[in-house]
Amino acid sequence: MSTTEHEASTAWLTQEAYDRLHTELDSLIEGRPTMSAEINARREEGDLKENGGYHAAKEEQGRQEARIRQLEDLLRGAHVGEAPSDDGVVEPGKVVVIAYDDGDTERFLLGAREIAATSDITVYSPDSALGTAIMGRSSGDTVTYTAPSGAKIQVTIVECTPFTG
C-alpha cells in the first residue's frame, strides 16, 4: 500500500472522539460474559426453533461483535491528535467548504463519522464518493464526482482548513 493510499484509509480522530470510542469498545468487550450468560439462559428455556429470546440474544451478540470489530479496526488505524497543517490541501481532519454549480455551498469535516457525535459539524468519510473526489485537491480546484444515485456532480473547493474541535 502506498503512503497516499494509507493516509486516505486512515481515520483522523480528535482525542475526545478516540477516548469515547475506546470506552465504548472496552464496555462492549467487558459485556461479552453477560451476553454469553444471557444466551445460555435463553438456551435453557427449551426448543431453540421457537425460542424468540434465544434468537434475539444471538442477534444482539452478532451486532455487538460486529461493532467490536469495527471499533478495533477504526482505532487501530486512527490518527489521533492535532489536525493536519493549514496548507489548503484536502485531507482527513480538514473542514472543507465546497460550492455547487447552483451557487449553494456546504461546509463539512472530512473524517471519521464517529466525530459527528462530539461536534455539530456534518462529517463525510474520506472514502465517500465526495471525499474520494476531493482528497488531495486544493482550494480553487473544481472536481466532478459520481454520487451514489449515479448523478454527476461538480463542486469547487472554496476553503480547506484544519478542524479545531
N, C-alpha and C. Protein backbone atom coordinates (compact mmCIF):
# COMPACT_ATOMS: atom_id res chain seq x y z
N MET A 1 0.86 -1.18 0.00
CA MET A 1 0.00 0.00 0.00
C MET A 1 0.90 1.24 0.00
N SER A 2 0.64 2.16 -0.88
CA SER A 2 1.45 3.36 -0.94
C SER A 2 1.10 4.28 0.24
N THR A 3 1.97 5.25 0.47
CA THR A 3 1.74 6.19 1.58
C THR A 3 0.44 6.94 1.37
N THR A 4 0.17 7.36 0.12
CA THR A 4 -1.06 8.11 -0.15
C THR A 4 -2.28 7.25 0.12
N GLU A 5 -2.26 5.96 -0.31
CA GLU A 5 -3.39 5.08 -0.05
C GLU A 5 -3.57 4.88 1.44
N HIS A 6 -2.46 4.74 2.17
CA HIS A 6 -2.55 4.53 3.62
C HIS A 6 -3.16 5.76 4.29
N GLU A 7 -2.71 6.94 3.89
CA GLU A 7 -3.23 8.15 4.50
C GLU A 7 -4.71 8.31 4.21
N ALA A 8 -5.15 7.93 3.02
CA ALA A 8 -6.56 8.07 2.66
C ALA A 8 -7.44 7.13 3.47
N SER A 9 -6.89 5.96 3.87
CA SER A 9 -7.70 4.99 4.61
C SER A 9 -7.58 5.16 6.12
N THR A 10 -6.73 6.06 6.59
CA THR A 10 -6.56 6.30 8.00
C THR A 10 -7.60 7.28 8.49
N ALA A 11 -8.29 6.91 9.57
CA ALA A 11 -9.29 7.82 10.15
C ALA A 11 -8.58 8.83 11.03
N TRP A 12 -8.96 10.08 10.91
CA TRP A 12 -8.44 11.10 11.79
C TRP A 12 -9.48 11.33 12.87
N LEU A 13 -9.05 11.25 14.14
CA LEU A 13 -9.96 11.43 15.27
C LEU A 13 -9.38 12.43 16.26
N THR A 14 -10.26 13.21 16.85
CA THR A 14 -9.81 14.04 17.97
C THR A 14 -9.53 13.10 19.14
N GLN A 15 -8.78 13.58 20.10
CA GLN A 15 -8.51 12.76 21.28
C GLN A 15 -9.82 12.42 22.00
N GLU A 16 -10.73 13.38 22.05
CA GLU A 16 -12.03 13.16 22.69
C GLU A 16 -12.81 12.04 22.01
N ALA A 17 -12.86 12.07 20.67
CA ALA A 17 -13.56 11.02 19.93
C ALA A 17 -12.89 9.67 20.12
N TYR A 18 -11.55 9.65 20.08
CA TYR A 18 -10.82 8.41 20.29
C TYR A 18 -11.12 7.82 21.67
N ASP A 19 -11.08 8.67 22.69
CA ASP A 19 -11.35 8.20 24.06
C ASP A 19 -12.77 7.67 24.19
N ARG A 20 -13.73 8.37 23.60
CA ARG A 20 -15.13 7.93 23.67
C ARG A 20 -15.31 6.58 22.99
N LEU A 21 -14.70 6.41 21.82
CA LEU A 21 -14.81 5.15 21.09
C LEU A 21 -14.08 4.02 21.81
N HIS A 22 -12.95 4.34 22.42
CA HIS A 22 -12.21 3.33 23.17
C HIS A 22 -13.02 2.88 24.40
N THR A 23 -13.70 3.81 25.05
CA THR A 23 -14.57 3.48 26.18
C THR A 23 -15.71 2.59 25.73
N GLU A 24 -16.31 2.90 24.57
CA GLU A 24 -17.37 2.06 24.04
C GLU A 24 -16.85 0.65 23.76
N LEU A 25 -15.67 0.57 23.15
CA LEU A 25 -15.07 -0.74 22.86
C LEU A 25 -14.84 -1.53 24.14
N ASP A 26 -14.25 -0.89 25.14
CA ASP A 26 -14.00 -1.56 26.42
C ASP A 26 -15.29 -2.08 27.03
N SER A 27 -16.33 -1.26 26.97
CA SER A 27 -17.63 -1.64 27.53
C SER A 27 -18.21 -2.85 26.81
N LEU A 28 -18.11 -2.86 25.48
CA LEU A 28 -18.62 -3.99 24.71
C LEU A 28 -17.83 -5.27 25.02
N ILE A 29 -16.53 -5.15 25.14
CA ILE A 29 -15.71 -6.32 25.45
C ILE A 29 -16.02 -6.83 26.86
N GLU A 30 -16.16 -5.91 27.81
CA GLU A 30 -16.50 -6.31 29.18
C GLU A 30 -17.88 -6.94 29.26
N GLY A 31 -18.77 -6.61 28.32
CA GLY A 31 -20.12 -7.14 28.31
C GLY A 31 -20.25 -8.52 27.67
N ARG A 32 -19.17 -9.02 27.10
CA ARG A 32 -19.22 -10.34 26.46
C ARG A 32 -19.69 -11.45 27.40
N PRO A 33 -19.14 -11.55 28.62
CA PRO A 33 -19.60 -12.62 29.52
C PRO A 33 -21.09 -12.52 29.85
N THR A 34 -21.58 -11.30 30.02
CA THR A 34 -23.01 -11.10 30.31
C THR A 34 -23.85 -11.56 29.13
N MET A 35 -23.42 -11.23 27.91
CA MET A 35 -24.15 -11.65 26.73
C MET A 35 -24.14 -13.17 26.61
N SER A 36 -23.01 -13.80 26.87
CA SER A 36 -22.92 -15.26 26.82
C SER A 36 -23.85 -15.90 27.84
N ALA A 37 -23.89 -15.32 29.03
CA ALA A 37 -24.77 -15.84 30.08
C ALA A 37 -26.24 -15.71 29.66
N GLU A 38 -26.58 -14.59 29.01
CA GLU A 38 -27.94 -14.37 28.52
C GLU A 38 -28.31 -15.44 27.48
N ILE A 39 -27.40 -15.70 26.58
CA ILE A 39 -27.65 -16.72 25.55
C ILE A 39 -27.83 -18.09 26.19
N ASN A 40 -26.98 -18.42 27.15
CA ASN A 40 -27.09 -19.72 27.84
C ASN A 40 -28.42 -19.83 28.59
N ALA A 41 -28.82 -18.75 29.23
CA ALA A 41 -30.09 -18.76 29.97
C ALA A 41 -31.26 -18.97 29.00
N ARG A 42 -31.22 -18.31 27.86
CA ARG A 42 -32.29 -18.46 26.87
C ARG A 42 -32.28 -19.87 26.26
N ARG A 43 -31.08 -20.44 26.11
CA ARG A 43 -30.96 -21.79 25.56
C ARG A 43 -31.64 -22.81 26.47
N GLU A 44 -31.57 -22.55 27.78
CA GLU A 44 -32.14 -23.46 28.78
C GLU A 44 -33.68 -23.44 28.77
N GLU A 45 -34.26 -22.45 28.08
CA GLU A 45 -35.72 -22.33 28.06
C GLU A 45 -36.39 -23.37 27.17
N GLY A 46 -35.61 -24.13 26.42
CA GLY A 46 -36.23 -25.20 25.64
C GLY A 46 -35.94 -25.13 24.16
N ASP A 47 -36.89 -25.60 23.37
CA ASP A 47 -36.76 -25.74 21.93
C ASP A 47 -36.24 -24.46 21.28
N LEU A 48 -35.05 -24.56 20.67
CA LEU A 48 -34.42 -23.37 20.08
C LEU A 48 -35.14 -22.87 18.83
N LYS A 49 -35.87 -23.74 18.15
CA LYS A 49 -36.59 -23.33 16.93
C LYS A 49 -37.66 -22.29 17.24
N GLU A 50 -38.27 -22.40 18.40
CA GLU A 50 -39.37 -21.50 18.76
C GLU A 50 -39.01 -20.57 19.92
N ASN A 51 -37.72 -20.41 20.18
CA ASN A 51 -37.26 -19.63 21.32
C ASN A 51 -36.84 -18.23 20.84
N GLY A 52 -37.80 -17.32 20.85
CA GLY A 52 -37.55 -15.95 20.38
C GLY A 52 -36.50 -15.23 21.20
N GLY A 53 -36.48 -15.47 22.51
CA GLY A 53 -35.49 -14.81 23.37
C GLY A 53 -34.07 -15.24 23.03
N TYR A 54 -33.91 -16.52 22.73
CA TYR A 54 -32.60 -17.04 22.36
C TYR A 54 -32.13 -16.40 21.05
N HIS A 55 -33.01 -16.37 20.05
CA HIS A 55 -32.64 -15.81 18.76
C HIS A 55 -32.36 -14.30 18.85
N ALA A 56 -33.12 -13.61 19.68
CA ALA A 56 -32.89 -12.17 19.87
C ALA A 56 -31.53 -11.94 20.53
N ALA A 57 -31.20 -12.78 21.52
CA ALA A 57 -29.91 -12.65 22.20
C ALA A 57 -28.76 -12.94 21.24
N LYS A 58 -28.92 -13.94 20.39
CA LYS A 58 -27.87 -14.27 19.41
C LYS A 58 -27.70 -13.13 18.40
N GLU A 59 -28.81 -12.52 17.98
CA GLU A 59 -28.72 -11.40 17.05
C GLU A 59 -28.01 -10.21 17.70
N GLU A 60 -28.33 -9.95 18.95
CA GLU A 60 -27.68 -8.86 19.67
C GLU A 60 -26.19 -9.14 19.82
N GLN A 61 -25.84 -10.38 20.11
CA GLN A 61 -24.43 -10.76 20.21
C GLN A 61 -23.72 -10.50 18.87
N GLY A 62 -24.37 -10.84 17.78
CA GLY A 62 -23.79 -10.61 16.46
C GLY A 62 -23.56 -9.13 16.19
N ARG A 63 -24.53 -8.30 16.57
CA ARG A 63 -24.38 -6.84 16.41
C ARG A 63 -23.22 -6.31 17.25
N GLN A 64 -23.14 -6.79 18.49
CA GLN A 64 -22.07 -6.33 19.37
C GLN A 64 -20.70 -6.76 18.86
N GLU A 65 -20.60 -7.99 18.38
CA GLU A 65 -19.31 -8.48 17.85
C GLU A 65 -18.91 -7.70 16.60
N ALA A 66 -19.88 -7.37 15.75
CA ALA A 66 -19.60 -6.58 14.56
C ALA A 66 -19.10 -5.19 14.95
N ARG A 67 -19.73 -4.59 15.95
CA ARG A 67 -19.31 -3.26 16.42
C ARG A 67 -17.92 -3.33 17.04
N ILE A 68 -17.63 -4.40 17.77
CA ILE A 68 -16.29 -4.56 18.35
C ILE A 68 -15.25 -4.60 17.23
N ARG A 69 -15.50 -5.39 16.19
CA ARG A 69 -14.55 -5.47 15.07
C ARG A 69 -14.41 -4.12 14.38
N GLN A 70 -15.53 -3.42 14.19
CA GLN A 70 -15.49 -2.10 13.54
C GLN A 70 -14.65 -1.12 14.37
N LEU A 71 -14.89 -1.09 15.68
CA LEU A 71 -14.14 -0.18 16.54
C LEU A 71 -12.66 -0.55 16.60
N GLU A 72 -12.37 -1.84 16.70
CA GLU A 72 -10.96 -2.26 16.73
C GLU A 72 -10.24 -1.83 15.46
N ASP A 73 -10.87 -2.03 14.30
CA ASP A 73 -10.27 -1.63 13.03
C ASP A 73 -10.08 -0.12 12.96
N LEU A 74 -11.10 0.62 13.36
CA LEU A 74 -11.04 2.07 13.32
C LEU A 74 -9.94 2.60 14.23
N LEU A 75 -9.92 2.13 15.48
CA LEU A 75 -8.96 2.64 16.46
C LEU A 75 -7.53 2.20 16.15
N ARG A 76 -7.38 1.01 15.57
CA ARG A 76 -6.05 0.50 15.22
C ARG A 76 -5.40 1.41 14.17
N GLY A 77 -6.18 1.88 13.21
CA GLY A 77 -5.62 2.68 12.13
C GLY A 77 -5.81 4.18 12.28
N ALA A 78 -6.34 4.60 13.41
CA ALA A 78 -6.67 6.02 13.58
C ALA A 78 -5.43 6.88 13.81
N HIS A 79 -5.50 8.06 13.24
CA HIS A 79 -4.52 9.09 13.56
C HIS A 79 -5.21 9.98 14.59
N VAL A 80 -4.64 10.03 15.78
CA VAL A 80 -5.26 10.76 16.88
C VAL A 80 -4.44 11.99 17.20
N GLY A 81 -5.15 13.06 17.45
CA GLY A 81 -4.44 14.24 17.92
C GLY A 81 -4.77 15.47 17.13
N GLU A 82 -3.74 16.24 16.90
CA GLU A 82 -3.92 17.53 16.28
C GLU A 82 -4.27 17.40 14.81
N ALA A 83 -4.99 18.38 14.35
CA ALA A 83 -5.39 18.41 12.94
C ALA A 83 -4.16 18.61 12.06
N PRO A 84 -4.27 18.24 10.80
CA PRO A 84 -3.16 18.44 9.88
C PRO A 84 -2.86 19.93 9.68
N SER A 85 -1.75 20.20 9.00
CA SER A 85 -1.32 21.58 8.81
C SER A 85 -2.31 22.36 7.94
N ASP A 86 -2.23 23.67 8.07
CA ASP A 86 -3.13 24.57 7.34
C ASP A 86 -2.50 24.90 5.99
N ASP A 87 -2.43 23.88 5.10
CA ASP A 87 -1.79 24.06 3.81
C ASP A 87 -2.78 24.16 2.65
N GLY A 88 -4.09 24.12 2.97
CA GLY A 88 -5.11 24.26 1.93
C GLY A 88 -5.37 22.99 1.13
N VAL A 89 -4.72 21.89 1.48
CA VAL A 89 -4.91 20.63 0.77
C VAL A 89 -5.94 19.79 1.52
N VAL A 90 -6.90 19.24 0.79
CA VAL A 90 -7.97 18.44 1.39
C VAL A 90 -7.40 17.09 1.84
N GLU A 91 -7.61 16.79 3.13
CA GLU A 91 -7.20 15.51 3.71
C GLU A 91 -8.03 15.29 4.98
N PRO A 92 -8.04 14.07 5.50
CA PRO A 92 -8.80 13.83 6.73
C PRO A 92 -8.36 14.80 7.84
N GLY A 93 -9.36 15.28 8.58
CA GLY A 93 -9.08 16.24 9.64
C GLY A 93 -9.24 17.68 9.21
N LYS A 94 -9.69 17.88 7.99
CA LYS A 94 -9.88 19.25 7.48
C LYS A 94 -11.35 19.57 7.36
N VAL A 95 -11.69 20.83 7.61
CA VAL A 95 -13.03 21.35 7.37
C VAL A 95 -13.00 21.93 5.96
N VAL A 96 -13.92 21.46 5.14
CA VAL A 96 -13.94 21.84 3.73
C VAL A 96 -15.24 22.58 3.42
N VAL A 97 -15.12 23.62 2.65
CA VAL A 97 -16.29 24.33 2.14
C VAL A 97 -16.25 24.14 0.63
N ILE A 98 -17.37 23.62 0.09
CA ILE A 98 -17.47 23.42 -1.36
C ILE A 98 -18.64 24.23 -1.90
N ALA A 99 -18.55 24.58 -3.16
CA ALA A 99 -19.65 25.27 -3.84
C ALA A 99 -20.13 24.39 -4.98
N TYR A 100 -21.44 24.27 -5.07
CA TYR A 100 -22.07 23.53 -6.17
C TYR A 100 -22.31 24.48 -7.33
N ASP A 101 -22.61 23.92 -8.49
CA ASP A 101 -22.86 24.73 -9.69
C ASP A 101 -23.98 25.74 -9.50
N ASP A 102 -24.99 25.40 -8.68
CA ASP A 102 -26.14 26.29 -8.49
C ASP A 102 -25.86 27.41 -7.49
N GLY A 103 -24.62 27.46 -6.96
CA GLY A 103 -24.25 28.53 -6.04
C GLY A 103 -24.36 28.16 -4.57
N ASP A 104 -25.06 27.06 -4.27
CA ASP A 104 -25.14 26.60 -2.87
C ASP A 104 -23.77 26.17 -2.40
N THR A 105 -23.53 26.37 -1.09
CA THR A 105 -22.28 25.92 -0.50
C THR A 105 -22.58 24.94 0.62
N GLU A 106 -21.58 24.16 0.95
CA GLU A 106 -21.70 23.19 2.04
C GLU A 106 -20.38 23.15 2.78
N ARG A 107 -20.47 23.09 4.11
CA ARG A 107 -19.30 23.03 4.98
C ARG A 107 -19.35 21.72 5.74
N PHE A 108 -18.25 20.98 5.76
CA PHE A 108 -18.22 19.69 6.44
C PHE A 108 -16.80 19.34 6.85
N LEU A 109 -16.70 18.38 7.73
CA LEU A 109 -15.42 17.84 8.16
C LEU A 109 -15.17 16.55 7.41
N LEU A 110 -14.00 16.39 6.88
CA LEU A 110 -13.62 15.14 6.23
C LEU A 110 -12.92 14.30 7.30
N GLY A 111 -13.58 13.25 7.74
CA GLY A 111 -13.01 12.43 8.81
C GLY A 111 -13.92 11.28 9.16
N ALA A 112 -13.68 10.67 10.31
CA ALA A 112 -14.47 9.53 10.76
C ALA A 112 -15.84 10.01 11.21
N ARG A 113 -16.88 9.30 10.80
CA ARG A 113 -18.24 9.69 11.15
C ARG A 113 -18.46 9.72 12.67
N GLU A 114 -17.66 8.99 13.40
CA GLU A 114 -17.80 8.95 14.85
C GLU A 114 -17.56 10.33 15.48
N ILE A 115 -16.85 11.21 14.79
CA ILE A 115 -16.61 12.56 15.30
C ILE A 115 -17.92 13.33 15.39
N ALA A 116 -18.88 12.99 14.53
CA ALA A 116 -20.15 13.70 14.50
C ALA A 116 -20.85 13.69 15.85
N ALA A 117 -20.62 12.66 16.65
CA ALA A 117 -21.26 12.58 17.96
C ALA A 117 -20.72 13.61 18.94
N THR A 118 -19.54 14.15 18.66
CA THR A 118 -18.94 15.10 19.58
C THR A 118 -18.85 16.51 19.00
N SER A 119 -19.47 16.72 17.84
CA SER A 119 -19.39 18.02 17.19
C SER A 119 -20.68 18.30 16.44
N ASP A 120 -20.97 19.57 16.19
CA ASP A 120 -22.16 19.95 15.46
C ASP A 120 -21.95 19.97 13.95
N ILE A 121 -20.73 19.77 13.50
CA ILE A 121 -20.43 19.84 12.08
C ILE A 121 -20.78 18.53 11.38
N THR A 122 -21.25 18.63 10.14
CA THR A 122 -21.51 17.46 9.32
C THR A 122 -20.17 16.79 9.02
N VAL A 123 -20.13 15.47 9.04
CA VAL A 123 -18.89 14.74 8.79
C VAL A 123 -19.09 13.82 7.58
N TYR A 124 -18.17 13.91 6.63
CA TYR A 124 -18.15 13.00 5.48
C TYR A 124 -16.91 12.13 5.57
N SER A 125 -17.07 10.89 5.21
CA SER A 125 -15.95 9.96 5.20
C SER A 125 -15.02 10.26 4.03
N PRO A 126 -13.72 10.12 4.25
CA PRO A 126 -12.79 10.26 3.12
C PRO A 126 -13.04 9.20 2.05
N ASP A 127 -13.70 8.11 2.42
CA ASP A 127 -13.98 7.03 1.48
C ASP A 127 -15.29 7.22 0.73
N SER A 128 -16.07 8.28 1.07
CA SER A 128 -17.31 8.56 0.36
C SER A 128 -16.98 9.01 -1.06
N ALA A 129 -17.99 9.05 -1.91
CA ALA A 129 -17.78 9.49 -3.29
C ALA A 129 -17.19 10.90 -3.33
N LEU A 130 -17.78 11.81 -2.55
CA LEU A 130 -17.28 13.18 -2.50
C LEU A 130 -15.89 13.23 -1.88
N GLY A 131 -15.70 12.53 -0.77
CA GLY A 131 -14.40 12.52 -0.10
C GLY A 131 -13.28 12.03 -1.00
N THR A 132 -13.55 10.97 -1.72
CA THR A 132 -12.56 10.42 -2.64
C THR A 132 -12.23 11.41 -3.75
N ALA A 133 -13.25 12.09 -4.25
CA ALA A 133 -13.06 13.04 -5.36
C ALA A 133 -12.23 14.26 -4.96
N ILE A 134 -12.38 14.72 -3.73
CA ILE A 134 -11.68 15.95 -3.33
C ILE A 134 -10.37 15.70 -2.59
N MET A 135 -10.12 14.45 -2.19
CA MET A 135 -8.91 14.14 -1.43
C MET A 135 -7.66 14.56 -2.21
N GLY A 136 -6.79 15.32 -1.55
CA GLY A 136 -5.55 15.76 -2.16
C GLY A 136 -5.68 17.00 -3.03
N ARG A 137 -6.90 17.48 -3.21
CA ARG A 137 -7.13 18.69 -4.01
C ARG A 137 -6.95 19.92 -3.13
N SER A 138 -6.94 21.09 -3.75
CA SER A 138 -6.71 22.34 -3.02
C SER A 138 -7.83 23.34 -3.27
N SER A 139 -7.84 24.38 -2.45
CA SER A 139 -8.82 25.45 -2.63
C SER A 139 -8.72 25.97 -4.05
N GLY A 140 -9.90 26.18 -4.68
CA GLY A 140 -9.96 26.66 -6.05
C GLY A 140 -10.12 25.54 -7.07
N ASP A 141 -9.79 24.29 -6.70
CA ASP A 141 -9.94 23.17 -7.63
C ASP A 141 -11.41 22.83 -7.83
N THR A 142 -11.77 22.46 -9.06
CA THR A 142 -13.11 22.01 -9.38
C THR A 142 -13.01 20.54 -9.78
N VAL A 143 -13.89 19.73 -9.19
CA VAL A 143 -13.91 18.30 -9.49
C VAL A 143 -15.34 17.86 -9.78
N THR A 144 -15.46 16.78 -10.53
CA THR A 144 -16.75 16.16 -10.79
C THR A 144 -16.68 14.75 -10.23
N TYR A 145 -17.73 14.37 -9.52
CA TYR A 145 -17.78 13.01 -8.96
C TYR A 145 -19.15 12.42 -9.24
N THR A 146 -19.22 11.10 -9.11
CA THR A 146 -20.48 10.40 -9.31
C THR A 146 -21.08 10.09 -7.95
N ALA A 147 -22.26 10.64 -7.70
CA ALA A 147 -22.97 10.42 -6.44
C ALA A 147 -23.50 8.98 -6.41
N PRO A 148 -23.83 8.47 -5.22
CA PRO A 148 -24.40 7.13 -5.14
C PRO A 148 -25.65 6.94 -6.01
N SER A 149 -26.36 8.02 -6.29
CA SER A 149 -27.55 7.95 -7.14
C SER A 149 -27.20 7.79 -8.62
N GLY A 150 -25.91 7.97 -8.94
CA GLY A 150 -25.46 7.90 -10.32
C GLY A 150 -25.32 9.26 -10.99
N ALA A 151 -25.79 10.31 -10.31
CA ALA A 151 -25.71 11.66 -10.86
C ALA A 151 -24.26 12.17 -10.83
N LYS A 152 -23.89 12.89 -11.86
CA LYS A 152 -22.57 13.54 -11.91
C LYS A 152 -22.72 14.91 -11.26
N ILE A 153 -21.89 15.18 -10.27
CA ILE A 153 -21.98 16.45 -9.53
C ILE A 153 -20.63 17.14 -9.59
N GLN A 154 -20.67 18.42 -9.92
CA GLN A 154 -19.45 19.22 -9.98
C GLN A 154 -19.40 20.16 -8.78
N VAL A 155 -18.27 20.19 -8.11
CA VAL A 155 -18.08 21.07 -6.96
C VAL A 155 -16.73 21.78 -7.08
N THR A 156 -16.69 22.95 -6.49
CA THR A 156 -15.44 23.70 -6.40
C THR A 156 -15.08 23.82 -4.93
N ILE A 157 -13.83 23.54 -4.61
CA ILE A 157 -13.36 23.66 -3.23
C ILE A 157 -13.12 25.13 -2.95
N VAL A 158 -13.88 25.68 -2.03
CA VAL A 158 -13.80 27.09 -1.70
C VAL A 158 -12.75 27.34 -0.62
N GLU A 159 -12.75 26.45 0.38
CA GLU A 159 -11.86 26.65 1.52
C GLU A 159 -11.57 25.29 2.16
N CYS A 160 -10.39 25.18 2.74
CA CYS A 160 -9.98 23.95 3.40
C CYS A 160 -9.08 24.33 4.57
N THR A 161 -9.57 24.11 5.80
CA THR A 161 -8.81 24.49 6.99
C THR A 161 -8.81 23.33 8.00
N PRO A 162 -7.83 23.30 8.89
CA PRO A 162 -7.79 22.25 9.91
C PRO A 162 -8.98 22.33 10.86
N PHE A 163 -9.47 21.17 11.26
CA PHE A 163 -10.55 21.07 12.24
C PHE A 163 -9.99 21.43 13.61
N THR A 164 -10.69 22.29 14.34
CA THR A 164 -10.21 22.69 15.65
C THR A 164 -11.07 22.21 16.78
N GLY A 165 -12.07 21.39 16.47
CA GLY A 165 -12.91 20.84 17.52
C GLY A 165 -14.16 21.60 17.64
